[in-house]
N, C-alpha and C. Protein backbone atom coordinates (compact mmCIF):
# COMPACT_ATOMS: atom_id res chain seq x y z
N MET A 1 4.52 -6.40 44.51
CA MET A 1 3.55 -5.35 44.59
C MET A 1 2.60 -5.36 43.40
N THR A 2 3.14 -5.47 42.22
CA THR A 2 2.33 -5.46 41.03
C THR A 2 1.89 -6.87 40.70
N THR A 3 0.65 -7.01 40.30
CA THR A 3 0.16 -8.33 39.94
C THR A 3 0.08 -8.44 38.43
N LEU A 4 0.11 -9.65 37.96
CA LEU A 4 0.04 -9.92 36.54
C LEU A 4 -1.41 -10.09 36.14
N GLN A 5 -1.86 -9.31 35.19
CA GLN A 5 -3.22 -9.43 34.68
C GLN A 5 -3.13 -9.84 33.22
N THR A 6 -3.98 -10.75 32.81
CA THR A 6 -3.99 -11.16 31.41
C THR A 6 -5.38 -11.00 30.84
N GLU A 7 -5.41 -10.76 29.55
CA GLU A 7 -6.69 -10.68 28.86
C GLU A 7 -7.16 -12.09 28.57
N VAL A 8 -8.43 -12.35 28.78
CA VAL A 8 -9.00 -13.64 28.44
C VAL A 8 -10.19 -13.37 27.55
N HIS A 9 -10.21 -14.03 26.40
CA HIS A 9 -11.30 -13.84 25.46
C HIS A 9 -12.28 -15.00 25.61
N LYS A 10 -13.56 -14.66 25.70
CA LYS A 10 -14.59 -15.66 25.88
C LYS A 10 -15.30 -15.85 24.55
N SER A 11 -15.43 -17.09 24.13
CA SER A 11 -16.13 -17.35 22.88
C SER A 11 -17.63 -17.38 23.14
N THR A 12 -18.42 -17.38 22.09
CA THR A 12 -19.87 -17.37 22.25
C THR A 12 -20.38 -18.67 22.84
N SER A 13 -19.59 -19.73 22.78
CA SER A 13 -20.02 -21.01 23.35
C SER A 13 -19.83 -21.04 24.86
N GLY A 14 -19.24 -20.00 25.42
CA GLY A 14 -19.02 -19.95 26.86
C GLY A 14 -17.66 -20.48 27.27
N GLU A 15 -16.88 -21.00 26.32
CA GLU A 15 -15.55 -21.50 26.63
C GLU A 15 -14.58 -20.33 26.71
N VAL A 16 -13.57 -20.48 27.54
CA VAL A 16 -12.56 -19.43 27.67
C VAL A 16 -11.34 -19.83 26.86
N ASP A 17 -10.90 -18.92 25.99
CA ASP A 17 -9.70 -19.16 25.19
C ASP A 17 -8.47 -18.98 26.05
N LYS A 18 -7.31 -19.34 25.52
CA LYS A 18 -6.05 -19.16 26.24
C LYS A 18 -5.78 -17.67 26.44
N PRO A 19 -5.13 -17.32 27.57
CA PRO A 19 -4.80 -15.90 27.80
C PRO A 19 -3.89 -15.36 26.69
N THR A 20 -4.05 -14.09 26.39
CA THR A 20 -3.19 -13.44 25.40
C THR A 20 -2.09 -12.70 26.14
N THR A 21 -1.61 -11.63 25.59
CA THR A 21 -0.48 -10.91 26.19
C THR A 21 -0.87 -10.27 27.53
N PRO A 22 0.07 -10.20 28.45
CA PRO A 22 -0.22 -9.58 29.75
C PRO A 22 -0.50 -8.09 29.61
N LEU A 23 -1.43 -7.58 30.42
CA LEU A 23 -1.73 -6.14 30.43
C LEU A 23 -0.67 -5.39 31.22
N VAL A 24 -0.12 -6.04 32.22
CA VAL A 24 0.94 -5.44 33.03
C VAL A 24 2.01 -6.50 33.26
N ARG A 25 3.19 -6.05 33.58
CA ARG A 25 4.30 -6.95 33.85
C ARG A 25 4.71 -6.79 35.31
N LYS A 26 4.92 -7.90 35.99
CA LYS A 26 5.33 -7.84 37.39
C LYS A 26 6.74 -7.28 37.47
N TYR A 27 6.94 -6.38 38.44
CA TYR A 27 8.22 -5.73 38.63
C TYR A 27 8.46 -5.61 40.12
N THR A 28 9.64 -5.93 40.55
CA THR A 28 9.97 -5.87 41.97
C THR A 28 11.10 -4.88 42.18
N THR A 29 11.03 -4.15 43.28
CA THR A 29 12.08 -3.21 43.64
C THR A 29 12.22 -3.19 45.16
N HIS A 30 13.23 -2.53 45.64
CA HIS A 30 13.46 -2.43 47.08
C HIS A 30 13.16 -1.01 47.52
N LEU A 31 12.39 -0.89 48.61
CA LEU A 31 12.04 0.41 49.17
C LEU A 31 12.30 0.38 50.67
N PRO A 32 12.56 1.54 51.25
CA PRO A 32 12.74 1.60 52.70
C PRO A 32 11.45 1.14 53.41
N PRO A 33 11.58 0.50 54.55
CA PRO A 33 10.40 0.00 55.28
C PRO A 33 9.34 1.07 55.55
N GLU A 34 9.76 2.29 55.88
CA GLU A 34 8.78 3.33 56.17
C GLU A 34 7.98 3.72 54.92
N MET A 35 8.59 3.60 53.75
CA MET A 35 7.89 3.90 52.50
C MET A 35 6.87 2.80 52.19
N VAL A 36 7.27 1.57 52.40
CA VAL A 36 6.35 0.44 52.19
C VAL A 36 5.15 0.57 53.13
N LYS A 37 5.42 0.93 54.37
CA LYS A 37 4.35 1.11 55.35
C LYS A 37 3.40 2.21 54.91
N TRP A 38 3.94 3.32 54.41
CA TRP A 38 3.11 4.43 53.94
C TRP A 38 2.25 4.00 52.75
N ILE A 39 2.85 3.28 51.81
CA ILE A 39 2.13 2.80 50.62
C ILE A 39 0.97 1.91 51.04
N LYS A 40 1.22 0.98 51.93
CA LYS A 40 0.17 0.07 52.40
C LYS A 40 -0.93 0.82 53.14
N ARG A 41 -0.55 1.77 54.00
CA ARG A 41 -1.54 2.54 54.74
C ARG A 41 -2.39 3.39 53.79
N GLU A 42 -1.74 4.02 52.84
CA GLU A 42 -2.44 4.85 51.85
C GLU A 42 -3.42 4.00 51.03
N ALA A 43 -3.00 2.81 50.67
CA ALA A 43 -3.87 1.91 49.91
C ALA A 43 -5.12 1.53 50.71
N VAL A 44 -4.93 1.24 51.98
CA VAL A 44 -6.07 0.90 52.84
C VAL A 44 -7.02 2.09 52.96
N GLU A 45 -6.45 3.27 53.19
CA GLU A 45 -7.29 4.46 53.34
C GLU A 45 -8.08 4.78 52.08
N ARG A 46 -7.49 4.53 50.92
CA ARG A 46 -8.17 4.81 49.65
C ARG A 46 -8.97 3.62 49.13
N ASP A 47 -8.84 2.48 49.80
CA ASP A 47 -9.52 1.25 49.40
C ASP A 47 -9.10 0.82 47.98
N VAL A 48 -7.78 0.81 47.76
CA VAL A 48 -7.22 0.36 46.49
C VAL A 48 -6.06 -0.59 46.80
N LYS A 49 -5.49 -1.19 45.78
CA LYS A 49 -4.34 -2.07 45.93
C LYS A 49 -3.07 -1.23 46.08
N ASP A 50 -2.09 -1.77 46.78
CA ASP A 50 -0.84 -1.03 47.00
C ASP A 50 -0.14 -0.69 45.70
N TYR A 51 -0.20 -1.59 44.72
CA TYR A 51 0.47 -1.30 43.45
C TYR A 51 -0.18 -0.13 42.72
N GLN A 52 -1.44 0.16 43.01
CA GLN A 52 -2.10 1.30 42.38
C GLN A 52 -1.53 2.61 42.93
N ILE A 53 -1.16 2.62 44.20
CA ILE A 53 -0.54 3.80 44.80
C ILE A 53 0.83 4.04 44.14
N VAL A 54 1.60 2.98 43.99
CA VAL A 54 2.93 3.10 43.37
C VAL A 54 2.80 3.53 41.91
N GLU A 55 1.85 2.93 41.19
CA GLU A 55 1.65 3.29 39.78
C GLU A 55 1.28 4.76 39.64
N GLU A 56 0.40 5.24 40.50
CA GLU A 56 -0.01 6.64 40.45
C GLU A 56 1.19 7.57 40.68
N ALA A 57 2.02 7.23 41.66
CA ALA A 57 3.19 8.05 41.97
C ALA A 57 4.17 8.08 40.80
N ILE A 58 4.38 6.94 40.17
CA ILE A 58 5.31 6.88 39.04
C ILE A 58 4.75 7.65 37.85
N ARG A 59 3.45 7.53 37.61
CA ARG A 59 2.85 8.28 36.50
C ARG A 59 2.97 9.80 36.73
N GLU A 60 2.77 10.23 37.96
CA GLU A 60 2.93 11.66 38.27
C GLU A 60 4.37 12.11 38.04
N LEU A 61 5.32 11.27 38.42
CA LEU A 61 6.73 11.59 38.19
C LEU A 61 7.03 11.66 36.69
N GLN A 62 6.50 10.71 35.92
CA GLN A 62 6.70 10.72 34.47
C GLN A 62 6.17 12.02 33.87
N PHE A 63 5.00 12.45 34.33
CA PHE A 63 4.39 13.68 33.83
C PHE A 63 5.28 14.88 34.13
N LYS A 64 5.79 14.96 35.37
CA LYS A 64 6.65 16.07 35.77
C LYS A 64 7.94 16.08 34.95
N VAL A 65 8.51 14.91 34.73
CA VAL A 65 9.76 14.82 33.95
C VAL A 65 9.48 15.23 32.51
N ALA A 66 8.34 14.82 31.96
CA ALA A 66 8.00 15.17 30.58
C ALA A 66 7.83 16.68 30.42
N LEU A 67 7.36 17.35 31.47
CA LEU A 67 7.17 18.80 31.42
C LEU A 67 8.48 19.55 31.68
N GLY A 68 9.51 18.82 32.01
CA GLY A 68 10.78 19.47 32.29
C GLY A 68 10.86 20.00 33.71
N ARG A 69 9.97 19.52 34.56
CA ARG A 69 9.88 19.90 35.99
C ARG A 69 9.46 21.30 36.05
């Protein structure tokens, strides 16, 4: 679901340097089929990637947990 993105620095000569540290780390988990279907449908409706839907949900959960629910 999550893709690996890396920073690439471009020099003034137009050459691309080697990638530095990843911005995100790929992570895999198991979800019920109906949840995967909902995530994919929601992503299409919002015109975003499926991992963005999952990331948003996890961030909201983190916020709620930090507030003590």
